[in-house]
Amino acid sequence: MPGRILANVHDIVGSHGRPLTGKELPPADVAHWTPARKAEVVAAVRSGRVPLDDVCRRYAMTIEEFMSWSSAVDAHGLPGLQVGNIRRWRE
């Protein structure tokens, strides 16, 4: 199952090469959301290291938007977080 890549979120290494904690999340003013950045945010929330409400405030996003990222990871893994793929799978 593709979504299993984030199953053991306590061992997730962020794009910076260090274990993922709330301090290593993308900056609040991130201008470009890559699939890896989205996956880091999903993993941080799933691990319990960062509350969903904090993530939504930090990135000015709705719970529904976060849940769409989380669902995309479960259904398609990291490729599910690419904008082009999201559009294709919704159609």
PDB file of N, CA and C in Angstrom:
ATOM      1  N   MET A   1       0.852  -1.183   0.000  1.00  0.00           N
ATOM      2  CA  MET A   1       0.000   0.000   0.000  1.00  0.00           C
ATOM      3  C   MET A   1       0.894   1.241   0.000  1.00  0.00           C
ATOM      4  N   PRO A   2       0.758   2.153  -0.975  1.00  0.00           N
ATOM      5  CA  PRO A   2       1.637   3.307  -1.081  1.00  0.00           C
ATOM      6  C   PRO A   2       1.662   4.189   0.155  1.00  0.00           C
ATOM      7  N   GLY A   3       0.548   4.350   0.846  1.00  0.00           N
ATOM      8  CA  GLY A   3       0.501   5.230   2.007  1.00  0.00           C
ATOM      9  C   GLY A   3       1.338   4.754   3.174  1.00  0.00           C
ATOM     10  N   ARG A   4       1.794   3.519   3.126  1.00  0.00           N
ATOM     11  CA  ARG A   4       2.568   2.970   4.235  1.00  0.00           C
ATOM     12  C   ARG A   4       3.921   3.655   4.377  1.00  0.00           C
ATOM     13  N   ILE A   5       4.341   4.450   3.424  1.00  0.00           N
ATOM     14  CA  ILE A   5       5.635   5.120   3.537  1.00  0.00           C
ATOM     15  C   ILE A   5       5.687   6.031   4.752  1.00  0.00           C
ATOM     16  N   LEU A   6       4.539   6.453   5.257  1.00  0.00           N
ATOM     17  CA  LEU A   6       4.503   7.320   6.428  1.00  0.00           C
ATOM     18  C   LEU A   6       3.960   6.584   7.649  1.00  0.00           C
ATOM     19  N   ALA A   7       3.952   5.263   7.607  1.00  0.00           N
ATOM     20  CA  ALA A   7       3.368   4.504   8.705  1.00  0.00           C
ATOM     21  C   ALA A   7       4.152   4.664  10.003  1.00  0.00           C
ATOM     22  N   ASN A   8       5.470   4.638   9.948  1.00  0.00           N
ATOM     23  CA  ASN A   8       6.283   4.758  11.147  1.00  0.00           C
ATOM     24  C   ASN A   8       6.832   6.176  11.218  1.00  0.00           C
ATOM     25  N   VAL A   9       5.959   7.113  11.533  1.00  0.00           N
ATOM     26  CA  VAL A   9       6.317   8.525  11.461  1.00  0.00           C
ATOM     27  C   VAL A   9       7.384   8.929  12.460  1.00  0.00           C
ATOM     28  N   HIS A  10       7.623   8.135  13.496  1.00  0.00           N
ATOM     29  CA  HIS A  10       8.652   8.494  14.462  1.00  0.00           C
ATOM     30  C   HIS A  10      10.048   8.368  13.880  1.00  0.00           C
ATOM     31  N   ASP A  11      10.190   7.632  12.783  1.00  0.00           N
ATOM     32  CA  ASP A  11      11.494   7.450  12.150  1.00  0.00           C
ATOM     33  C   ASP A  11      11.640   8.271  10.879  1.00  0.00           C
ATOM     34  N   ILE A  12      10.717   9.172  10.624  1.00  0.00           N
ATOM     35  CA  ILE A  12      10.755   9.980   9.411  1.00  0.00           C
ATOM     36  C   ILE A  12      11.943  10.923   9.450  1.00  0.00           C
ATOM     37  N   VAL A  13      12.680  10.959   8.354  1.00  0.00           N
ATOM     38  CA  VAL A  13      13.778  11.908   8.203  1.00  0.00           C
ATOM     39  C   VAL A  13      13.288  12.956   7.230  1.00  0.00           C
ATOM     40  N   GLY A  14      13.392  14.214   7.638  1.00  0.00           N
ATOM     41  CA  GLY A  14      12.930  15.304   6.793  1.00  0.00           C
ATOM     42  C   GLY A  14      13.847  15.545   5.614  1.00  0.00           C
ATOM     43  N   SER A  15      13.457  16.451   4.744  1.00  0.00           N
ATOM     44  CA  SER A  15      14.239  16.750   3.547  1.00  0.00           C
ATOM     45  C   SER A  15      15.597  17.342   3.890  1.00  0.00           C
ATOM     46  N   HIS A  16      15.753  17.781   5.124  1.00  0.00           N
ATOM     47  CA  HIS A  16      17.013  18.354   5.601  1.00  0.00           C
ATOM     48  C   HIS A  16      17.970  17.278   6.090  1.00  0.00           C
ATOM     49  N   GLY A  17      17.528  15.996   6.111  1.00  0.00           N
ATOM     50  CA  GLY A  17      18.386  14.891   6.495  1.00  0.00           C
ATOM     51  C   GLY A  17      18.409  14.571   7.978  1.00  0.00           C
ATOM     52  N   ARG A  18      17.639  15.266   8.788  1.00  0.00           N
ATOM     53  CA  ARG A  18      17.582  15.019  10.236  1.00  0.00           C
ATOM     54  C   ARG A  18      16.205  14.469  10.586  1.00  0.00           C
ATOM     55  N   PRO A  19      16.087  13.754  11.730  1.00  0.00           N
ATOM     56  CA  PRO A  19      14.768  13.263  12.142  1.00  0.00           C
ATOM     57  C   PRO A  19      13.771  14.410  12.242  1.00  0.00           C
ATOM     58  N   LEU A  20      12.563  14.140  11.833  1.00  0.00           N
ATOM     59  CA  LEU A  20      11.527  15.166  11.773  1.00  0.00           C
ATOM     60  C   LEU A  20      10.987  15.493  13.158  1.00  0.00           C
ATOM     61  N   THR A  21      11.037  16.752  13.497  1.00  0.00           N
ATOM     62  CA  THR A  21      10.380  17.274  14.691  1.00  0.00           C
ATOM     63  C   THR A  21       9.620  18.511  14.253  1.00  0.00           C
ATOM     64  N   GLY A  22       8.826  19.072  15.141  1.00  0.00           N
ATOM     65  CA  GLY A  22       8.077  20.271  14.790  1.00  0.00           C
ATOM     66  C   GLY A  22       8.960  21.437  14.390  1.00  0.00           C
ATOM     67  N   LYS A  23      10.172  21.474  14.918  1.00  0.00           N
ATOM     68  CA  LYS A  23      11.072  22.591  14.619  1.00  0.00           C
ATOM     69  C   LYS A  23      11.601  22.554  13.197  1.00  0.00           C
ATOM     70  N   GLU A  24      11.582  21.376  12.573  1.00  0.00           N
ATOM     71  CA  GLU A  24      12.108  21.247  11.219  1.00  0.00           C
ATOM     72  C   GLU A  24      11.032  21.339  10.144  1.00  0.00           C
ATOM     73  N   LEU A  25       9.839  21.723  10.525  1.00  0.00           N
ATOM     74  CA  LEU A  25       8.788  21.877   9.519  1.00  0.00           C
ATOM     75  C   LEU A  25       9.138  23.007   8.562  1.00  0.00           C
ATOM     76  N   PRO A  26       8.542  22.989   7.375  1.00  0.00           N
ATOM     77  CA  PRO A  26       8.770  24.094   6.440  1.00  0.00           C
ATOM     78  C   PRO A  26       8.411  25.432   7.090  1.00  0.00           C
ATOM     79  N   PRO A  27       9.038  26.513   6.640  1.00  0.00           N
ATOM     80  CA  PRO A  27       8.732  27.823   7.226  1.00  0.00           C
ATOM     81  C   PRO A  27       7.278  28.213   7.002  1.00  0.00           C
ATOM     82  N   ALA A  28       6.760  29.048   7.887  1.00  0.00           N
ATOM     83  CA  ALA A  28       5.359  29.466   7.807  1.00  0.00           C
ATOM     84  C   ALA A  28       5.051  30.194   6.500  1.00  0.00           C
ATOM     85  N   ASP A  29       6.033  30.845   5.932  1.00  0.00           N
ATOM     86  CA  ASP A  29       5.814  31.625   4.707  1.00  0.00           C
ATOM     87  C   ASP A  29       6.274  30.878   3.453  1.00  0.00           C
ATOM     88  N   VAL A  30       6.264  29.546   3.499  1.00  0.00           N
ATOM     89  CA  VAL A  30       6.718  28.762   2.352  1.00  0.00           C
ATOM     90  C   VAL A  30       5.957  29.194   1.098  1.00  0.00           C
ATOM     91  N   ALA A  31       6.711  29.431   0.031  1.00  0.00           N
ATOM     92  CA  ALA A  31       6.101  29.917  -1.207  1.00  0.00           C
ATOM     93  C   ALA A  31       5.777  28.782  -2.166  1.00  0.00           C
ATOM     94  N   HIS A  32       6.515  27.681  -2.070  1.00  0.00           N
ATOM     95  CA  HIS A  32       6.319  26.568  -2.998  1.00  0.00           C
ATOM     96  C   HIS A  32       6.207  25.275  -2.203  1.00  0.00           C
ATOM     97  N   TRP A  33       5.049  24.621  -2.296  1.00  0.00           N
ATOM     98  CA  TRP A  33       4.818  23.374  -1.584  1.00  0.00           C
ATOM     99  C   TRP A  33       5.224  22.196  -2.451  1.00  0.00           C
ATOM    100  N   THR A  34       6.324  21.561  -2.107  1.00  0.00           N
ATOM    101  CA  THR A  34       6.738  20.346  -2.799  1.00  0.00           C
ATOM    102  C   THR A  34       6.047  19.154  -2.141  1.00  0.00           C
ATOM    103  N   PRO A  35       5.955  18.026  -2.833  1.00  0.00           N
ATOM    104  CA  PRO A  35       5.390  16.836  -2.195  1.00  0.00           C
ATOM    105  C   PRO A  35       6.138  16.458  -0.911  1.00  0.00           C
ATOM    106  N   ALA A  36       7.448  16.608  -0.895  1.00  0.00           N
ATOM    107  CA  ALA A  36       8.225  16.263   0.303  1.00  0.00           C
ATOM    108  C   ALA A  36       7.856  17.157   1.480  1.00  0.00           C
ATOM    109  N   ARG A  37       7.670  18.438   1.237  1.00  0.00           N
ATOM    110  CA  ARG A  37       7.278  19.351   2.321  1.00  0.00           C
ATOM    111  C   ARG A  37       5.899  18.997   2.861  1.00  0.00           C
ATOM    112  N   LYS A  38       4.972  18.715   1.952  1.00  0.00           N
ATOM    113  CA  LYS A  38       3.633  18.325   2.384  1.00  0.00           C
ATOM    114  C   LYS A  38       3.699  17.044   3.213  1.00  0.00           C
ATOM    115  N   ALA A  39       4.502  16.074   2.773  1.00  0.00           N
ATOM    116  CA  ALA A  39       4.639  14.810   3.488  1.00  0.00           C
ATOM    117  C   ALA A  39       5.233  15.033   4.875  1.00  0.00           C
ATOM    118  N   GLU A  40       6.159  15.964   5.011  1.00  0.00           N
ATOM    119  CA  GLU A  40       6.731  16.268   6.322  1.00  0.00           C
ATOM    120  C   GLU A  40       5.660  16.790   7.272  1.00  0.00           C
ATOM    121  N   VAL A  41       4.804  17.652   6.766  1.00  0.00           N
ATOM    122  CA  VAL A  41       3.734  18.210   7.595  1.00  0.00           C
ATOM    123  C   VAL A  41       2.748  17.107   7.994  1.00  0.00           C
ATOM    124  N   VAL A  42       2.368  16.266   7.045  1.00  0.00           N
ATOM    125  CA  VAL A  42       1.460  15.160   7.352  1.00  0.00           C
ATOM    126  C   VAL A  42       2.090  14.242   8.394  1.00  0.00           C
ATOM    127  N   ALA A  43       3.355  13.906   8.220  1.00  0.00           N
ATOM    128  CA  ALA A  43       4.040  13.012   9.160  1.00  0.00           C
ATOM    129  C   ALA A  43       4.133  13.626  10.550  1.00  0.00           C
ATOM    130  N   ALA A  44       4.396  14.925  10.621  1.00  0.00           N
ATOM    131  CA  ALA A  44       4.503  15.590  11.922  1.00  0.00           C
ATOM    132  C   ALA A  44       3.180  15.550  12.679  1.00  0.00           C
ATOM    133  N   VAL A  45       2.078  15.754  11.959  1.00  0.00           N
ATOM    134  CA  VAL A  45       0.759  15.703  12.605  1.00  0.00           C
ATOM    135  C   VAL A  45       0.430  14.270  13.002  1.00  0.00           C
ATOM    136  N   ARG A  46       0.655  13.328  12.101  1.00  0.00           N
ATOM    137  CA  ARG A  46       0.338  11.929  12.400  1.00  0.00           C
ATOM    138  C   ARG A  46       1.142  11.383  13.577  1.00  0.00           C
ATOM    139  N   SER A  47       2.357  11.865  13.734  1.00  0.00           N
ATOM    140  CA  SER A  47       3.200  11.378  14.825  1.00  0.00           C
ATOM    141  C   SER A  47       2.794  11.970  16.167  1.00  0.00           C
ATOM    142  N   GLY A  48       1.983  13.026  16.115  1.00  0.00           N
ATOM    143  CA  GLY A  48       1.592  13.701  17.345  1.00  0.00           C
ATOM    144  C   GLY A  48       2.596  14.749  17.774  1.00  0.00           C
ATOM    145  N   ARG A  49       3.618  14.974  16.968  1.00  0.00           N
ATOM    146  CA  ARG A  49       4.640  15.964  17.314  1.00  0.00           C
ATOM    147  C   ARG A  49       4.156  17.386  17.142  1.00  0.00           C
ATOM    148  N   VAL A  50       3.191  17.573  16.253  1.00  0.00           N
ATOM    149  CA  VAL A  50       2.630  18.909  16.015  1.00  0.00           C
ATOM    150  C   VAL A  50       1.115  18.756  15.911  1.00  0.00           C
ATOM    151  N   PRO A  51       0.354  19.512  16.704  1.00  0.00           N
ATOM    152  CA  PRO A  51      -1.109  19.425  16.626  1.00  0.00           C
ATOM    153  C   PRO A  51      -1.633  19.969  15.294  1.00  0.00           C
ATOM    154  N   LEU A  52      -2.691  19.358  14.805  1.00  0.00           N
ATOM    155  CA  LEU A  52      -3.297  19.778  13.537  1.00  0.00           C
ATOM    156  C   LEU A  52      -3.686  21.252  13.581  1.00  0.00           C
ATOM    157  N   ASP A  53      -4.254  21.705  14.682  1.00  0.00           N
ATOM    158  CA  ASP A  53      -4.648  23.115  14.777  1.00  0.00           C
ATOM    159  C   ASP A  53      -3.451  24.041  14.587  1.00  0.00           C
ATOM    160  N   ASP A  54      -2.304  23.670  15.149  1.00  0.00           N
ATOM    161  CA  ASP A  54      -1.093  24.489  14.994  1.00  0.00           C
ATOM    162  C   ASP A  54      -0.638  24.543  13.542  1.00  0.00           C
ATOM    163  N   VAL A  55      -0.696  23.402  12.859  1.00  0.00           N
ATOM    164  CA  VAL A  55      -0.303  23.357  11.453  1.00  0.00           C
ATOM    165  C   VAL A  55      -1.232  24.229  10.617  1.00  0.00           C
ATOM    166  N   CYS A  56      -2.533  24.135  10.873  1.00  0.00           N
ATOM    167  CA  CYS A  56      -3.491  24.934  10.107  1.00  0.00           C
ATOM    168  C   CYS A  56      -3.266  26.427  10.327  1.00  0.00           C
ATOM    169  N   ARG A  57      -2.998  26.812  11.559  1.00  0.00           N
ATOM    170  CA  ARG A  57      -2.711  28.231  11.825  1.00  0.00           C
ATOM    171  C   ARG A  57      -1.404  28.662  11.162  1.00  0.00           C
ATOM    172  N   ARG A  58      -0.363  27.866  11.354  1.00  0.00           N
ATOM    173  CA  ARG A  58       0.969  28.203  10.831  1.00  0.00           C
ATOM    174  C   ARG A  58       0.947  28.429   9.324  1.00  0.00           C
ATOM    175  N   TYR A  59       0.217  27.566   8.608  1.00  0.00           N
ATOM    176  CA  TYR A  59       0.220  27.640   7.148  1.00  0.00           C
ATOM    177  C   TYR A  59      -1.054  28.247   6.564  1.00  0.00           C
ATOM    178  N   ALA A  60      -1.905  28.794   7.404  1.00  0.00           N
ATOM    179  CA  ALA A  60      -3.155  29.422   6.958  1.00  0.00           C
ATOM    180  C   ALA A  60      -3.920  28.481   6.032  1.00  0.00           C
ATOM    181  N   MET A  61      -4.112  27.256   6.503  1.00  0.00           N
ATOM    182  CA  MET A  61      -4.823  26.264   5.715  1.00  0.00           C
ATOM    183  C   MET A  61      -6.007  25.728   6.513  1.00  0.00           C
ATOM    184  N   THR A  62      -6.943  25.155   5.815  1.00  0.00           N
ATOM    185  CA  THR A  62      -8.106  24.570   6.483  1.00  0.00           C
ATOM    186  C   THR A  62      -7.801  23.123   6.863  1.00  0.00           C
ATOM    187  N   ILE A  63      -8.594  22.602   7.766  1.00  0.00           N
ATOM    188  CA  ILE A  63      -8.466  21.193   8.131  1.00  0.00           C
ATOM    189  C   ILE A  63      -8.753  20.335   6.895  1.00  0.00           C
ATOM    190  N   GLU A  64      -9.694  20.756   6.080  1.00  0.00           N
ATOM    191  CA  GLU A  64     -10.037  20.006   4.877  1.00  0.00           C
ATOM    192  C   GLU A  64      -8.841  19.918   3.922  1.00  0.00           C
ATOM    193  N   GLU A  65      -8.077  21.010   3.795  1.00  0.00           N
ATOM    194  CA  GLU A  65      -6.903  20.975   2.920  1.00  0.00           C
ATOM    195  C   GLU A  65      -5.873  19.987   3.463  1.00  0.00           C
ATOM    196  N   PHE A  66      -5.627  20.049   4.786  1.00  0.00           N
ATOM    197  CA  PHE A  66      -4.691  19.101   5.374  1.00  0.00           C
ATOM    198  C   PHE A  66      -5.180  17.669   5.152  1.00  0.00           C
ATOM    199  N   MET A  67      -6.461  17.436   5.374  1.00  0.00           N
ATOM    200  CA  MET A  67      -7.008  16.092   5.216  1.00  0.00           C
ATOM    201  C   MET A  67      -6.876  15.604   3.770  1.00  0.00           C
ATOM    202  N   SER A  68      -6.953  16.521   2.811  1.00  0.00           N
ATOM    203  CA  SER A  68      -6.769  16.111   1.416  1.00  0.00           C
ATOM    204  C   SER A  68      -5.331  15.640   1.190  1.00  0.00           C
ATOM    205  N   TRP A  69      -4.361  16.307   1.832  1.00  0.00           N
ATOM    206  CA  TRP A  69      -2.963  15.854   1.744  1.00  0.00           C
ATOM    207  C   TRP A  69      -2.833  14.473   2.364  1.00  0.00           C
ATOM    208  N   SER A  70      -3.406  14.307   3.540  1.00  0.00           N
ATOM    209  CA  SER A  70      -3.315  13.048   4.261  1.00  0.00           C
ATOM    210  C   SER A  70      -3.959  11.910   3.453  1.00  0.00           C
ATOM    211  N   SER A  71      -5.111  12.174   2.875  1.00  0.00           N
ATOM    212  CA  SER A  71      -5.800  11.164   2.055  1.00  0.00           C
ATOM    213  C   SER A  71      -4.992  10.827   0.806  1.00  0.00           C
ATOM    214  N   ALA A  72      -4.384  11.832   0.198  1.00  0.00           N
ATOM    215  CA  ALA A  72      -3.571  11.607  -1.003  1.00  0.00           C
ATOM    216  C   ALA A  72      -2.385  10.711  -0.686  1.00  0.00           C
ATOM    217  N   VAL A  73      -1.769  10.909   0.481  1.00  0.00           N
ATOM    218  CA  VAL A  73      -0.647  10.060   0.895  1.00  0.00           C
ATOM    219  C   VAL A  73      -1.129   8.631   1.088  1.00  0.00           C
ATOM    220  N   ASP A  74      -2.271   8.470   1.751  1.00  0.00           N
ATOM    221  CA  ASP A  74      -2.795   7.127   1.991  1.00  0.00           C
ATOM    222  C   ASP A  74      -3.127   6.405   0.690  1.00  0.00           C
ATOM    223  N   ALA A  75      -3.694   7.125  -0.241  1.00  0.00           N
ATOM    224  CA  ALA A  75      -4.152   6.506  -1.485  1.00  0.00           C
ATOM    225  C   ALA A  75      -3.034   6.281  -2.501  1.00  0.00           C
ATOM    226  N   HIS A  76      -2.051   7.212  -2.552  1.00  0.00           N
ATOM    227  CA  HIS A  76      -1.083   7.179  -3.647  1.00  0.00           C
ATOM    228  C   HIS A  76       0.366   7.381  -3.210  1.00  0.00           C
ATOM    229  N   GLY A  77       0.625   7.496  -1.922  1.00  0.00           N
ATOM    230  CA  GLY A  77       1.990   7.733  -1.465  1.00  0.00           C
ATOM    231  C   GLY A  77       2.447   9.148  -1.806  1.00  0.00           C
ATOM    232  N   LEU A  78       3.733   9.349  -1.810  1.00  0.00           N
ATOM    233  CA  LEU A  78       4.297  10.672  -2.079  1.00  0.00           C
ATOM    234  C   LEU A  78       3.852  11.245  -3.435  1.00  0.00           C
ATOM    235  N   PRO A  79       3.766  10.432  -4.499  1.00  0.00           N
ATOM    236  CA  PRO A  79       3.282  10.983  -5.771  1.00  0.00           C
ATOM    237  C   PRO A  79       1.874  11.566  -5.684  1.00  0.00           C
ATOM    238  N   GLY A  80       1.090  11.134  -4.704  1.00  0.00           N
ATOM    239  CA  GLY A  80      -0.256  11.665  -4.539  1.00  0.00           C
ATOM    240  C   GLY A  80      -0.290  13.118  -4.132  1.00  0.00           C
ATOM    241  N   LEU A  81       0.854  13.628  -3.671  1.00  0.00           N
ATOM    242  CA  LEU A  81       0.917  15.019  -3.232  1.00  0.00           C
ATOM    243  C   LEU A  81       1.360  15.978  -4.334  1.00  0.00           C
ATOM    244  N   GLN A  82       1.608  15.457  -5.516  1.00  0.00           N
ATOM    245  CA  GLN A  82       1.952  16.328  -6.639  1.00  0.00           C
ATOM    246  C   GLN A  82       0.675  16.924  -7.200  1.00  0.00           C
ATOM    247  N   VAL A  83       0.673  18.213  -7.412  1.00  0.00           N
ATOM    248  CA  VAL A  83      -0.534  18.919  -7.848  1.00  0.00           C
ATOM    249  C   VAL A  83      -1.126  18.310  -9.104  1.00  0.00           C
ATOM    250  N   GLY A  84      -0.325  18.016 -10.079  1.00  0.00           N
ATOM    251  CA  GLY A  84      -0.837  17.433 -11.327  1.00  0.00           C
ATOM    252  C   GLY A  84      -1.523  16.102 -11.097  1.00  0.00           C
ATOM    253  N   ASN A  85      -0.970  15.289 -10.206  1.00  0.00           N
ATOM    254  CA  ASN A  85      -1.574  13.986  -9.922  1.00  0.00           C
ATOM    255  C   ASN A  85      -2.875  14.133  -9.162  1.00  0.00           C
ATOM    256  N   ILE A  86      -2.949  15.084  -8.249  1.00  0.00           N
ATOM    257  CA  ILE A  86      -4.187  15.320  -7.492  1.00  0.00           C
ATOM    258  C   ILE A  86      -5.309  15.651  -8.461  1.00  0.00           C
ATOM    259  N   ARG A  87      -5.024  16.536  -9.407  1.00  0.00           N
ATOM    260  CA  ARG A  87      -6.039  16.910 -10.389  1.00  0.00           C
ATOM    261  C   ARG A  87      -6.475  15.699 -11.218  1.00  0.00           C
ATOM    262  N   ARG A  88      -5.518  14.893 -11.640  1.00  0.00           N
ATOM    263  CA  ARG A  88      -5.809  13.725 -12.473  1.00  0.00           C
ATOM    264  C   ARG A  88      -6.666  12.728 -11.716  1.00  0.00           C
ATOM    265  N   TRP A  89      -6.331  12.436 -10.443  1.00  0.00           N
ATOM    266  CA  TRP A  89      -7.064  11.434  -9.675  1.00  0.00           C
ATOM    267  C   TRP A  89      -8.453  11.907  -9.272  1.00  0.00           C
ATOM    268  N   ARG A  90      -8.656  13.218  -9.182  1.00  0.00           N
ATOM    269  CA  ARG A  90      -9.988  13.721  -8.833  1.00  0.00           C
ATOM    270  C   ARG A  90     -10.959  13.577  -9.984  1.00  0.00           C
ATOM    271  N   GLU A  91     -10.451  13.559 -11.215  1.00  0.00           N
ATOM    272  CA  GLU A  91     -11.315  13.502 -12.413  1.00  0.00           C
ATOM    273  C   GLU A  91     -11.822  12.159 -12.681  1.00  0.00           C
TER     274      GLU A  91
END
